[in-house]
Protein backbone atom coordinates (compact mmCIF):
# COMPACT_ATOMS: atom_id res chain seq x y z
CA MET A 1 17.95 -22.46 -49.91
CA LYS A 2 17.86 -22.89 -53.69
CA ARG A 3 15.26 -20.12 -53.90
CA LYS A 4 17.48 -17.75 -51.88
CA LEU A 5 20.49 -18.53 -54.06
CA LYS A 6 18.42 -17.96 -57.19
CA ILE A 7 17.24 -14.58 -55.87
CA ALA A 8 20.82 -13.60 -54.97
CA LEU A 9 22.05 -14.49 -58.45
CA ILE A 10 19.23 -12.47 -60.02
CA VAL A 11 20.25 -9.47 -57.88
CA ILE A 12 23.89 -9.88 -58.93
CA THR A 13 22.98 -10.16 -62.62
CA THR A 14 20.75 -7.10 -62.39
CA ILE A 15 23.52 -5.05 -60.80
CA ILE A 16 25.98 -6.09 -63.49
CA LEU A 17 23.50 -5.12 -66.24
CA LEU A 18 22.96 -1.73 -64.61
CA LEU A 19 26.63 -0.97 -64.14
CA PRO A 20 26.98 1.33 -67.19
CA ILE A 21 24.09 3.42 -65.83
CA PHE A 22 25.13 3.52 -62.21
CA GLY A 23 28.76 4.34 -62.76
CA TYR A 24 29.78 4.36 -59.12
CA VAL A 25 28.54 0.78 -58.71
CA TYR A 26 30.46 -0.30 -61.78
CA LEU A 27 33.53 1.47 -60.52
CA PHE A 28 33.50 -0.16 -57.13
CA LEU A 29 33.55 -3.61 -58.61
CA LEU A 30 36.88 -2.85 -60.26
CA PRO A 31 38.92 -3.58 -57.13
CA VAL A 32 37.40 -7.07 -56.92
CA SER A 33 38.13 -7.83 -60.56
CA ALA A 34 39.42 -11.29 -61.40
CA SER A 35 39.03 -14.30 -63.61
CA SER A 36 38.57 -17.93 -62.75
CA LEU A 37 41.27 -18.42 -65.38
CA ILE A 38 44.91 -17.45 -64.91
CA VAL A 39 45.50 -14.02 -66.43
CA SER A 40 48.68 -12.25 -67.45
CA SER A 41 49.51 -8.69 -66.44
CA GLN A 42 48.81 -6.17 -69.18
CA ILE A 43 50.50 -2.83 -69.60
CA SER A 44 47.96 -0.55 -71.22
CA GLU A 45 48.83 2.19 -73.67
CA GLY A 46 49.84 5.33 -71.85
CA ASN A 47 50.81 3.49 -68.66
CA THR A 48 54.02 4.44 -66.86
CA MET A 49 54.12 1.49 -64.48
CA VAL A 50 57.45 0.13 -65.70
CA LYS A 51 60.17 2.62 -64.83
CA SER A 52 63.92 2.33 -65.00
CA GLY A 53 65.58 1.06 -61.85
CA MET A 54 62.58 -0.64 -60.23
CA ALA A 55 62.90 -4.33 -59.35
CA THR A 56 59.28 -5.43 -59.67
CA ASP A 57 59.41 -9.21 -60.15
CA ASN A 58 61.49 -10.54 -57.25
CA LYS A 59 60.76 -13.97 -55.80
CA LEU A 60 61.67 -15.67 -52.54
CA ILE A 61 61.13 -19.36 -51.81
CA LEU A 62 59.81 -19.57 -48.26
CA LYS A 63 60.63 -22.30 -45.74
CA ASP A 64 57.35 -24.09 -46.43
CA GLY A 65 58.09 -24.18 -50.17
CA ARG A 66 55.75 -21.38 -51.24
CA THR A 67 56.87 -18.53 -53.45
CA LEU A 68 56.64 -14.96 -52.16
CA GLY A 69 56.69 -12.31 -54.87
CA TYR A 70 57.75 -8.76 -54.10
CA ALA A 71 58.69 -5.49 -55.77
CA GLU A 72 61.09 -2.77 -54.68
CA TYR A 73 60.75 0.94 -55.34
CA GLY A 74 62.63 4.06 -54.33
CA ASP A 75 66.21 4.08 -53.05
CA PRO A 76 67.63 0.52 -52.79
CA LEU A 77 69.98 1.71 -50.04
CA GLY A 78 67.38 3.77 -48.21
CA PHE A 79 65.41 3.34 -44.99
CA PRO A 80 63.30 0.15 -45.43
CA ILE A 81 59.51 0.43 -45.36
CA PHE A 82 57.24 -2.51 -46.21
CA TYR A 83 54.03 -1.60 -48.06
CA PHE A 84 51.01 -3.93 -47.89
CA HIS A 85 48.79 -3.36 -50.92
CA GLY A 86 45.02 -2.98 -50.82
CA GLY A 87 42.61 -5.81 -51.46
CA GLN A 88 42.33 -6.91 -55.09
CA GLU A 89 45.67 -5.21 -55.80
CA SER A 90 49.27 -6.43 -55.98
CA ARG A 91 52.91 -5.47 -55.44
CA LEU A 92 52.74 -3.43 -58.67
CA SER A 93 50.07 -1.14 -57.18
CA SER A 94 52.79 0.79 -55.34
CA ALA A 95 54.58 1.90 -58.52
CA PHE A 96 53.37 5.47 -57.95
CA MET A 97 55.56 5.66 -54.83
CA HIS A 98 58.84 5.22 -56.70
CA SER A 99 59.93 8.80 -57.38
CA THR A 100 58.80 10.15 -53.99
CA ALA A 101 60.58 7.36 -52.11
CA GLN A 102 63.67 7.74 -54.26
CA ASN A 103 63.88 11.46 -53.58
CA MET A 104 63.45 10.87 -49.85
CA GLY A 105 66.04 8.11 -49.59
CA ILE A 106 63.44 5.48 -48.71
CA ARG A 107 63.30 1.86 -49.86
CA ILE A 108 59.78 0.55 -50.50
CA ILE A 109 59.38 -3.23 -50.31
CA ALA A 110 55.98 -4.38 -51.58
CA PRO A 111 55.16 -8.11 -51.27
CA ASP A 112 52.27 -9.93 -52.91
CA ARG A 113 50.05 -11.74 -50.42
CA PRO A 114 49.31 -15.48 -50.80
CA GLY A 115 47.51 -16.27 -54.04
CA ILE A 116 48.15 -12.76 -55.38
CA GLY A 117 50.48 -11.92 -58.27
CA LEU A 118 53.69 -13.94 -58.00
CA SER A 119 52.92 -15.39 -54.55
CA SER A 120 51.71 -18.96 -54.07
CA PHE A 121 48.27 -19.66 -52.68
CA LYS A 122 48.18 -20.80 -49.04
CA LYS A 123 45.25 -22.94 -48.05
CA ASN A 124 43.46 -21.97 -44.83
CA ARG A 125 45.68 -18.94 -44.31
CA THR A 126 44.93 -16.38 -41.61
CA PHE A 127 46.02 -12.80 -41.06
CA LEU A 128 48.41 -14.03 -38.37
CA ASP A 129 50.29 -16.07 -41.00
CA TRP A 130 51.38 -12.87 -42.74
CA PRO A 131 53.95 -11.69 -40.13
CA ARG A 132 55.85 -14.94 -40.66
CA ASP A 133 56.11 -14.29 -44.39
CA VAL A 134 57.21 -10.71 -43.73
CA THR A 135 59.84 -11.90 -41.23
CA GLU A 136 61.27 -14.37 -43.73
CA LEU A 137 61.47 -11.70 -46.40
CA ALA A 138 63.08 -9.21 -44.00
CA ASP A 139 65.65 -11.83 -42.93
CA HIS A 140 66.36 -12.61 -46.59
CA LEU A 141 66.97 -8.90 -47.21
CA GLN A 142 69.07 -8.71 -44.02
CA LEU A 143 66.80 -6.14 -42.41
CA LYS A 144 66.66 -6.21 -38.63
CA LYS A 145 64.31 -3.25 -38.23
CA PHE A 146 61.80 -1.68 -40.63
CA SER A 147 58.52 0.19 -40.81
CA VAL A 148 55.27 -1.10 -42.31
CA PHE A 149 52.17 0.53 -43.75
CA GLY A 150 49.15 -0.59 -45.71
CA LEU A 151 46.24 0.78 -47.68
CA SER A 152 42.64 -0.41 -47.39
CA GLY A 153 42.78 -4.23 -47.23
CA GLY A 154 46.40 -3.98 -46.14
CA SER A 155 45.15 -2.75 -42.75
CA PRO A 156 44.64 -6.12 -40.99
CA HIS A 157 48.05 -7.23 -42.25
CA VAL A 158 49.68 -4.16 -40.68
CA LEU A 159 47.86 -4.85 -37.42
CA ALA A 160 48.83 -8.53 -37.50
CA CYS A 161 52.50 -7.55 -37.81
CA ALA A 162 52.19 -5.01 -35.01
CA HIS A 163 50.62 -7.76 -32.90
CA GLU A 164 53.09 -10.55 -33.69
CA ILE A 165 56.47 -8.96 -34.43
CA PRO A 166 56.53 -5.54 -32.69
CA ASN A 167 60.25 -5.95 -31.91
CA ARG A 168 61.05 -5.88 -35.65
CA ILE A 169 58.92 -2.84 -36.47
CA HIS A 170 60.05 0.78 -36.12
CA LYS A 171 56.66 2.31 -36.91
CA SER A 172 53.36 1.28 -38.50
CA ALA A 173 50.67 3.14 -40.40
CA ILE A 174 47.24 2.39 -41.83
CA VAL A 175 45.88 4.49 -44.69
CA CYS A 176 42.14 4.40 -45.44
CA GLY A 177 42.17 0.96 -43.89
CA ALA A 178 39.68 -1.81 -43.37
CA ALA A 179 38.38 -2.47 -39.86
CA PRO A 180 36.82 -5.56 -38.28
CA TYR A 181 33.40 -6.46 -39.63
CA ASN A 182 31.79 -7.35 -36.31
CA TYR A 183 31.33 -4.01 -34.51
CA LYS A 184 28.25 -1.80 -34.61
CA GLY A 185 28.55 0.79 -37.36
CA SER A 186 31.27 -1.01 -39.32
CA LEU A 187 29.55 -0.14 -42.63
CA LYS A 188 28.47 3.41 -41.74
CA ASP A 189 28.59 5.83 -44.72
CA MET A 190 29.88 3.09 -47.01
CA TRP A 191 28.60 2.96 -50.59
CA PRO A 192 25.77 0.42 -51.01
CA PRO A 193 27.73 -1.55 -53.65
CA VAL A 194 30.64 -1.91 -51.23
CA LYS A 195 28.23 -3.14 -48.58
CA PHE A 196 26.85 -5.61 -51.11
CA ILE A 197 30.30 -7.11 -51.72
CA HIS A 198 30.77 -7.46 -47.96
CA TRP A 199 27.46 -9.32 -47.83
CA LEU A 200 28.49 -11.66 -50.65
CA ALA A 201 31.79 -12.36 -48.92
CA SER A 202 30.02 -13.13 -45.63
CA ARG A 203 27.93 -15.90 -47.19
CA LYS A 204 29.09 -19.48 -46.70
CA ASN A 205 28.62 -20.15 -50.41
CA ASP A 206 30.98 -17.94 -52.42
CA ASN A 207 29.43 -18.56 -55.86
CA GLY A 208 27.88 -15.08 -55.96
CA LEU A 209 31.17 -13.39 -55.09
CA ARG A 210 33.00 -15.41 -57.73
CA LYS A 211 30.41 -14.56 -60.37
CA VAL A 212 30.78 -10.82 -59.78
CA ILE A 213 34.56 -11.10 -59.85
CA LEU A 214 34.56 -13.15 -63.06
CA ASN A 215 32.29 -10.74 -64.93
CA ASP A 216 34.29 -7.75 -63.84
CA ILE A 217 37.73 -9.05 -64.82
CA LYS A 218 36.46 -9.80 -68.30
CA THR A 219 35.35 -6.19 -68.69
CA LEU A 220 38.58 -4.88 -67.19
CA LEU A 221 40.75 -6.83 -69.61
CA LYS A 222 38.73 -5.91 -72.69
CA LYS A 223 38.21 -2.19 -72.06
CA PRO A 224 40.75 -0.87 -69.54
CA GLU A 225 40.52 2.63 -71.03
CA SER A 226 36.85 2.80 -70.07
CA ARG A 227 37.82 2.12 -66.47
CA LEU A 228 40.09 5.13 -66.42
CA LYS A 229 37.17 7.23 -67.67
CA GLN A 230 35.01 5.84 -64.87
CA PHE A 231 37.68 6.84 -62.33
CA GLN A 232 37.53 10.34 -63.74
CA ASN A 233 33.73 10.52 -63.80
CA TYR A 234 32.29 8.56 -60.87
CA LEU A 235 34.69 8.62 -57.92
CA PRO A 236 34.23 11.16 -55.12
CA LEU A 237 35.49 14.60 -56.16
CA PRO A 238 39.04 14.41 -54.68
CA ASP A 239 39.64 11.07 -56.41
CA ARG A 240 38.12 12.25 -59.69
CA GLU A 241 40.40 15.27 -59.69
CA ILE A 242 43.61 13.37 -59.08
CA MET A 243 42.76 10.71 -61.68
CA THR A 244 42.05 13.46 -64.23
CA GLN A 245 45.17 15.48 -63.45
CA ARG A 246 47.40 12.40 -63.20
CA PRO A 247 45.89 9.66 -65.42
CA GLU A 248 49.00 7.54 -64.97
CA TYR A 249 47.75 6.84 -61.45
CA GLY A 250 44.70 5.18 -62.96
CA TRP A 251 46.76 3.08 -65.35
CA GLU A 252 49.07 1.97 -62.55
CA PHE A 253 46.12 0.98 -60.41
CA ILE A 254 44.52 -0.97 -63.28
CA ASP A 255 47.72 -2.87 -64.02
CA GLY A 256 48.27 -3.59 -60.34
CA SER A 257 44.75 -5.00 -60.13
CA VAL A 258 45.15 -7.18 -63.22
CA GLU A 259 48.41 -8.55 -61.83
CA ALA A 260 46.56 -9.60 -58.67
CA TYR A 261 44.81 -12.31 -60.69
CA LYS A 262 47.90 -13.74 -62.37
CA ASN A 263 47.18 -17.07 -60.66
CA GLY A 264 43.39 -16.87 -60.76
CA ILE A 265 40.89 -15.54 -58.24
CA ASP A 266 41.24 -17.91 -55.28
CA GLY A 267 43.58 -15.58 -53.40
CA VAL A 268 41.20 -12.64 -53.75
CA VAL A 269 38.16 -14.69 -52.72
CA GLN A 270 40.04 -16.07 -49.73
CA GLU A 271 41.06 -12.60 -48.59
CA TRP A 272 37.51 -11.26 -48.85
CA LYS A 273 36.38 -14.09 -46.58
CA LEU A 274 39.08 -13.12 -44.09
CA TYR A 275 37.95 -9.49 -44.03
CA VAL A 276 34.41 -10.37 -42.93
CA ASN A 277 35.25 -13.02 -40.35
CA ASP A 278 37.08 -13.00 -37.03
CA TRP A 279 40.57 -11.59 -37.58
CA GLY A 280 42.18 -13.99 -35.11
CA PHE A 281 43.61 -11.42 -32.68
CA ARG A 282 42.41 -8.58 -30.46
CA ILE A 283 43.28 -5.07 -31.60
CA LYS A 284 43.25 -3.98 -27.95
CA ASP A 285 46.27 -6.21 -27.34
CA ILE A 286 48.50 -4.22 -29.73
CA ASN A 287 50.93 -1.97 -27.86
CA ALA A 288 53.01 -0.80 -30.81
CA PRO A 289 52.47 2.76 -32.12
CA ILE A 290 50.11 2.96 -35.11
CA LEU A 291 49.54 5.99 -37.35
CA LEU A 292 46.01 6.21 -38.82
CA TRP A 293 45.20 8.25 -41.93
CA TYR A 294 41.62 8.63 -43.23
CA GLY A 295 39.79 10.97 -45.59
CA THR A 296 36.37 12.55 -45.11
CA GLU A 297 35.33 11.77 -48.70
CA ASP A 298 36.28 8.09 -48.68
CA LYS A 299 33.21 5.92 -49.33
CA MET A 300 35.07 2.62 -49.67
CA SER A 301 36.64 2.74 -46.22
CA PRO A 302 34.91 5.64 -44.43
CA TYR A 303 36.77 7.61 -41.77
CA HIS A 304 34.46 6.14 -39.10
CA ARG A 305 36.62 3.02 -39.38
CA GLY A 306 39.63 5.08 -38.37
CA ILE A 307 37.74 6.42 -35.37
CA HIS A 308 36.91 2.85 -34.34
CA LEU A 309 40.50 1.65 -34.69
CA ASP A 310 41.74 4.66 -32.75
CA SER A 311 39.36 3.82 -29.92
CA GLU A 312 40.61 0.22 -29.79
CA LEU A 313 44.35 0.78 -30.13
CA ILE A 314 46.44 1.67 -27.09
CA ASN A 315 49.03 3.82 -28.86
CA SER A 316 47.60 5.39 -32.01
CA LYS A 317 47.48 8.77 -33.72
CA LEU A 318 44.47 9.45 -35.95
CA GLN A 319 44.46 12.04 -38.70
CA VAL A 320 41.21 12.64 -40.58
CA LEU A 321 41.91 14.81 -43.61
CA GLU A 322 39.24 17.00 -45.16
CA ASN A 323 38.47 16.62 -48.87
CA GLU A 324 40.50 13.44 -49.33
CA GLY A 325 39.24 10.16 -50.78
CA HIS A 326 40.30 6.54 -50.99
CA PHE A 327 42.72 7.12 -53.85
CA SER A 328 43.72 10.75 -53.34
CA LEU A 329 44.89 10.68 -49.73
CA ILE A 330 47.86 8.34 -50.12
CA ARG A 331 48.97 10.08 -53.30
CA ASN A 332 48.60 13.64 -52.04
CA HIS A 333 50.21 12.92 -48.67
CA LEU A 334 52.67 10.11 -49.44
CA GLY A 335 55.70 12.21 -48.57
CA LYS A 336 54.41 13.04 -45.11
CA ILE A 337 53.34 9.45 -44.44
CA LEU A 338 56.79 8.13 -45.38
CA HIS A 339 58.42 10.92 -43.36
CA GLU A 340 56.57 9.83 -40.23
CA LEU A 341 57.31 6.15 -40.83
CA GLU A 342 60.99 6.92 -41.18
CA GLY A 343 60.82 8.41 -37.70
CA THR A 344 61.46 12.10 -38.29
CA LEU A 345 57.99 12.98 -36.97
CA PRO A 346 57.37 10.78 -33.90
CA ILE A 347 53.93 9.92 -32.54
CA GLU A 348 53.10 12.37 -29.81
């Protein structure tokens, strides 16, 4: 056992040392950036994350005493849509939605998950705990009905809500979302470094995962500008293009990721473990309508995952978009996604 752990640590160290050479590997590790220490959110030079009129640091004390942090974007009087951020991100990661939502008369409500950003850590949490937090927040905001959508690691949280509180949800959508880890082909066409992180998360001992996270957050905090350059140089072409044309998207993503580790890395580690274990519910039991959006150039959450979810869900609509990646799809098609969630374009 000690020999296996030693070999695993050598592999991890080697990968970290080779990151500047293999840019795409280095880039992937950004989303799992964190520190074992508590870190404060940084706003890098050139960032446009903080915009007038956005309420980004709201807090709600839940019935069990935990704090739930959330941000609001768009029109405060508009149609309410909850956004569940990707893994290793935070409520601030949805800042790019503000102007689009505002122009469309839509209210974006983006909560931090347990242990992320402003939200308290919850020991032994499951995906099925999340709908209860969402319900409390919706009740606090006096919202009887709302839509929900999530990117990447937000996927199981959308599905959990569709499973547990379908009577509160108008419509749901998953964008470039994660899928269960236990079906054949779950990692098809995924970048090797992304597969490697899944393997680390699946191990009973999480020391390797924590080591990678710790090393990455240190680099992120010291040289955030180099990360933007890596977005522009090493992502799939659609993502490279949008990060070059709109560099503020990169800064917003970086700041949203840093904020995720405001309380340390336990929340991120816990969520990775949830991704690669039993999700606690059967997708086949979900009757609520689910919109699925995936891009052909996404190597973090390949479109095959969307095909799998579509085959499991009873009432879903899958759209696989050509020449779209993990970062570009939600930014290039945000207006249409919000339009469908508002209900103007029903699932057929």
